[in-house]
Amino acid sequence: YEVISYAWGNVMSEENIICNDKVLRITSSLAVALRRTRLLDRPRVLWADDICINQKGESEKAQQVPLMAAIYSQAEQVLCWLGEGDE
């Protein structure tokens, strides 16, 4: 798997995506990052905190956040998305 690290941007701006046949609501900044890093010729397995950790579940975040160092260090690659460029 790969990890995607991204600038959160406006957390109030959200979009729906389909992941494993389920509709997920994620931040617009992550949605843009996923579209820009998508591979057209093959699947890509990405770990993103906004999808993999329930951001509204405080107890889940408390359990999962300490695992992030291991998640990042064991990833095949870490992608960093800073957002769309300015002209």
Protein backbone atom coordinates (compact mmCIF):
# COMPACT_ATOMS: atom_id res chain seq x y z
CA TYR A 1 0.00 0.00 0.00
CA GLU A 2 0.89 3.66 -0.34
CA VAL A 3 0.01 6.49 2.02
CA ILE A 4 -1.26 9.84 0.85
CA SER A 5 -0.47 12.85 3.00
CA TYR A 6 -2.36 15.96 1.98
CA ALA A 7 -3.19 19.50 3.02
CA TRP A 8 -6.61 19.36 4.70
CA GLY A 9 -7.77 22.70 3.33
CA ASN A 10 -11.32 23.73 4.17
CA VAL A 11 -12.69 20.79 6.19
CA MET A 12 -16.23 22.11 5.70
CA SER A 13 -15.94 21.57 1.93
CA GLU A 14 -16.76 17.92 1.25
CA GLU A 15 -17.49 15.63 -1.69
CA ASN A 16 -18.83 12.13 -2.15
CA ILE A 17 -16.64 9.41 -3.63
CA ILE A 18 -17.26 5.73 -4.26
CA CYS A 19 -14.81 3.33 -2.63
CA ASN A 20 -15.36 -0.43 -2.76
CA ASP A 21 -18.95 0.15 -3.93
CA LYS A 22 -19.70 2.41 -0.94
CA VAL A 23 -20.33 6.14 -0.96
CA LEU A 24 -17.94 8.01 1.33
CA ARG A 25 -17.98 11.69 2.26
CA ILE A 26 -14.44 13.14 2.30
CA THR A 27 -12.87 16.59 2.27
CA SER A 28 -12.71 18.23 -1.14
CA SER A 29 -8.93 18.57 -0.81
CA LEU A 30 -8.56 14.80 -0.43
CA ALA A 31 -10.95 14.23 -3.35
CA VAL A 32 -8.74 16.41 -5.56
CA ALA A 33 -5.61 14.64 -4.33
CA LEU A 34 -7.12 11.23 -5.13
CA ARG A 35 -8.12 12.33 -8.62
CA ARG A 36 -4.67 13.80 -9.33
CA THR A 37 -2.76 10.74 -8.08
CA ARG A 38 -5.01 8.15 -9.68
CA LEU A 39 -3.26 5.67 -11.95
CA LEU A 40 -5.09 5.18 -15.22
CA ASP A 41 -3.48 1.87 -16.16
CA ARG A 42 -3.77 -0.06 -12.87
CA PRO A 43 -5.33 0.00 -9.40
CA ARG A 44 -3.65 1.88 -6.58
CA VAL A 45 -4.05 0.95 -2.91
CA LEU A 46 -3.88 4.12 -0.85
CA TRP A 47 -4.22 4.73 2.87
CA ALA A 48 -5.71 8.14 3.70
CA ASP A 49 -6.60 9.16 7.23
CA ASP A 50 -9.89 10.81 6.24
CA ILE A 51 -11.07 7.50 4.78
CA CYS A 52 -9.37 4.97 7.05
CA ILE A 53 -10.03 6.69 10.37
CA ASN A 54 -13.50 7.80 11.43
CA GLN A 55 -12.79 11.49 11.95
CA LYS A 56 -15.98 11.95 14.00
CA GLY A 57 -15.22 9.06 16.35
CA GLU A 58 -13.00 10.39 19.12
CA SER A 59 -12.31 6.94 20.60
CA GLU A 60 -11.36 5.54 17.20
CA LYS A 61 -9.07 8.49 16.50
CA ALA A 62 -7.46 8.01 19.92
CA GLN A 63 -6.68 4.39 18.99
CA GLN A 64 -5.67 4.94 15.37
CA VAL A 65 -3.56 8.11 15.49
CA PRO A 66 -0.76 6.45 17.52
CA LEU A 67 -0.53 3.80 14.77
CA MET A 68 0.13 6.34 12.05
CA ALA A 69 3.92 6.26 12.45
CA ALA A 70 3.87 2.53 11.72
CA ILE A 71 1.40 2.99 8.85
CA TYR A 72 3.65 5.59 7.23
CA SER A 73 6.92 3.74 7.86
CA GLN A 74 5.63 0.42 6.49
CA ALA A 75 4.13 1.92 3.35
CA GLU A 76 5.76 1.19 0.02
CA GLN A 77 5.65 4.91 -0.74
CA VAL A 78 4.29 8.10 0.79
CA LEU A 79 2.67 10.61 -1.56
CA CYS A 80 2.54 14.24 -0.49
CA TRP A 81 -0.20 16.46 -1.92
CA LEU A 82 0.14 20.17 -1.16
CA GLY A 83 -2.81 21.23 -3.29
CA GLU A 84 -3.31 22.72 -6.71
CA GLY A 85 -0.58 25.10 -7.86
CA ASP A 86 -1.10 28.80 -8.30
CA GLU A 87 -0.35 30.55 -11.57
